[in-house]
Protein backbone atom coordinates (compact mmCIF):
# COMPACT_ATOMS: atom_id res chain seq x y z
CA MET A 1 -55.59 -61.88 53.13
CA LEU A 2 -53.58 -61.91 49.80
CA THR A 3 -54.82 -59.66 47.12
CA ILE A 4 -53.88 -59.64 43.52
CA HIS A 5 -54.43 -56.47 41.45
CA LEU A 6 -54.86 -56.23 37.56
CA ASN A 7 -55.09 -52.72 36.39
CA VAL A 8 -55.24 -53.10 32.10
CA THR A 9 -56.96 -51.33 29.28
CA PHE A 10 -59.10 -52.90 26.56
CA PHE A 11 -60.53 -51.48 23.37
CA ALA A 12 -64.08 -52.98 23.11
CA TYR A 13 -67.97 -52.29 21.81
CA HIS A 14 -69.88 -52.48 25.04
CA GLY A 15 -72.84 -50.03 25.03
CA LEU A 16 -76.26 -49.49 24.98
CA TYR A 17 -76.48 -47.18 21.83
CA ASP A 18 -75.75 -48.04 18.15
CA GLU A 19 -73.01 -45.40 17.78
CA GLU A 20 -71.00 -47.08 21.21
CA LYS A 21 -71.62 -50.61 19.26
CA LYS A 22 -69.91 -49.66 16.11
CA LEU A 23 -67.10 -47.00 16.97
CA GLY A 24 -66.19 -48.74 20.03
CA ASN A 25 -64.38 -47.18 23.47
CA ASN A 26 -61.21 -47.58 25.66
CA PHE A 27 -62.09 -49.20 28.93
CA ASP A 28 -59.98 -49.18 32.11
CA ILE A 29 -60.54 -52.56 34.06
CA GLU A 30 -59.31 -52.98 37.73
CA LEU A 31 -59.53 -56.40 39.15
CA ARG A 32 -58.66 -57.43 42.50
CA VAL A 33 -59.10 -61.22 43.57
CA GLY A 34 -58.39 -62.11 47.30
CA HIS A 35 -57.38 -65.53 48.96
CA GLN A 36 -55.95 -66.86 52.14
CA PRO A 37 -53.17 -69.17 51.68
CA LYS A 38 -52.63 -71.92 53.79
CA GLU A 39 -48.88 -71.45 53.81
CA LYS A 40 -46.41 -69.25 52.73
CA ILE A 41 -46.43 -68.81 49.01
CA THR A 42 -43.02 -69.95 47.59
CA ASN A 43 -43.68 -71.03 44.41
CA ILE A 44 -45.78 -69.92 41.33
CA SER A 45 -48.08 -72.83 41.77
CA GLN A 46 -49.33 -71.86 45.30
CA ALA A 47 -50.60 -68.51 43.72
CA LEU A 48 -53.18 -67.37 41.85
CA ASP A 49 -52.28 -67.34 38.25
CA TYR A 50 -52.93 -63.48 37.44
CA VAL A 51 -51.72 -64.17 33.65
CA SER A 52 -55.22 -66.75 33.46
CA MET A 53 -57.36 -63.81 34.87
CA TYR A 54 -55.93 -61.50 32.34
CA GLU A 55 -56.87 -63.95 29.57
CA PHE A 56 -60.32 -64.59 31.34
CA VAL A 57 -60.94 -60.93 31.38
CA LYS A 58 -59.90 -60.49 27.53
CA ALA A 59 -61.98 -62.79 26.21
CA LYS A 60 -65.15 -61.49 28.29
CA MET A 61 -64.16 -57.76 27.26
CA GLN A 62 -64.23 -59.51 23.51
CA THR A 63 -67.90 -60.06 23.79
CA PRO A 64 -70.30 -56.86 23.72
CA TYR A 65 -72.47 -56.30 26.49
CA GLU A 66 -75.08 -53.49 26.45
CA LEU A 67 -74.90 -53.00 29.92
CA LEU A 68 -71.45 -52.46 31.90
CA GLU A 69 -73.36 -53.77 35.20
CA THR A 70 -73.94 -57.42 33.39
CA LEU A 71 -70.56 -57.37 32.41
CA ALA A 72 -69.62 -56.63 35.93
CA MET A 73 -71.61 -59.45 37.75
CA GLU A 74 -70.79 -61.82 35.21
CA VAL A 75 -66.69 -61.57 35.70
CA THR A 76 -66.97 -61.68 39.46
CA GLN A 77 -69.04 -64.60 39.52
CA GLU A 78 -67.12 -66.51 36.92
CA ILE A 79 -63.71 -65.64 38.58
CA LEU A 80 -64.80 -67.04 41.69
CA GLU A 81 -66.09 -70.16 40.02
CA LYS A 82 -63.10 -70.52 37.86
CA PHE A 83 -60.55 -70.11 40.24
CA HIS A 84 -61.39 -72.00 43.26
CA PRO A 85 -58.70 -70.58 45.84
CA ALA A 86 -60.48 -67.21 45.34
CA GLU A 87 -62.47 -65.79 48.38
CA GLU A 88 -63.61 -62.35 46.86
CA VAL A 89 -63.60 -60.44 43.59
CA PHE A 90 -63.76 -56.68 43.06
CA PHE A 91 -64.08 -55.87 39.23
CA SER A 92 -64.47 -51.85 38.16
CA ILE A 93 -64.78 -50.97 34.38
CA THR A 94 -64.71 -47.59 33.78
CA LYS A 95 -65.82 -46.57 30.03
CA LYS A 96 -62.91 -43.61 29.19
CA GLN A 97 -65.37 -41.36 27.03
CA PRO A 98 -69.15 -42.45 27.44
CA PRO A 99 -71.30 -40.75 24.95
CA PHE A 100 -72.99 -38.20 26.72
CA ALA A 101 -73.16 -34.49 25.09
CA GLY A 102 -70.49 -31.98 26.98
CA ILE A 103 -69.23 -34.95 29.61
CA GLN A 104 -65.49 -34.09 30.40
CA GLY A 105 -64.68 -37.12 31.90
CA SER A 106 -65.57 -41.26 32.56
CA ALA A 107 -68.57 -43.45 33.64
CA GLY A 108 -68.40 -46.76 34.94
CA VAL A 109 -69.63 -49.38 37.28
CA SER A 110 -67.82 -51.69 39.93
CA HIS A 111 -69.03 -55.00 42.00
CA PHE A 112 -67.53 -56.95 44.84
CA LEU A 113 -68.48 -60.70 45.31
CA LYS A 114 -67.50 -62.66 48.21
CA ARG A 115 -67.31 -66.47 48.27
């Protein structure tokens, strides 16, 4: 299995609470997409296009979601649908500064889906 990795940070307005929807937050994204090439990859046309995947995730992040769980599940499902060589997808999203009183850390969810 060959796996591509994408680790990026976006500013977005995901959250259940009005404060989150108004102020936004930084989110760390980890995306791993695995596929089994039929031959040795020697040309970009044989590989999964991580630039297209980045653009896809970027677009998803621009649409506010109340629940990170919903976003994570949609991303994994849609990547399997849109990127046909993909056989498995892992997506993790971490809210850098969740709106909990006194928390020193982050909160997030991850989802793994296999074809």
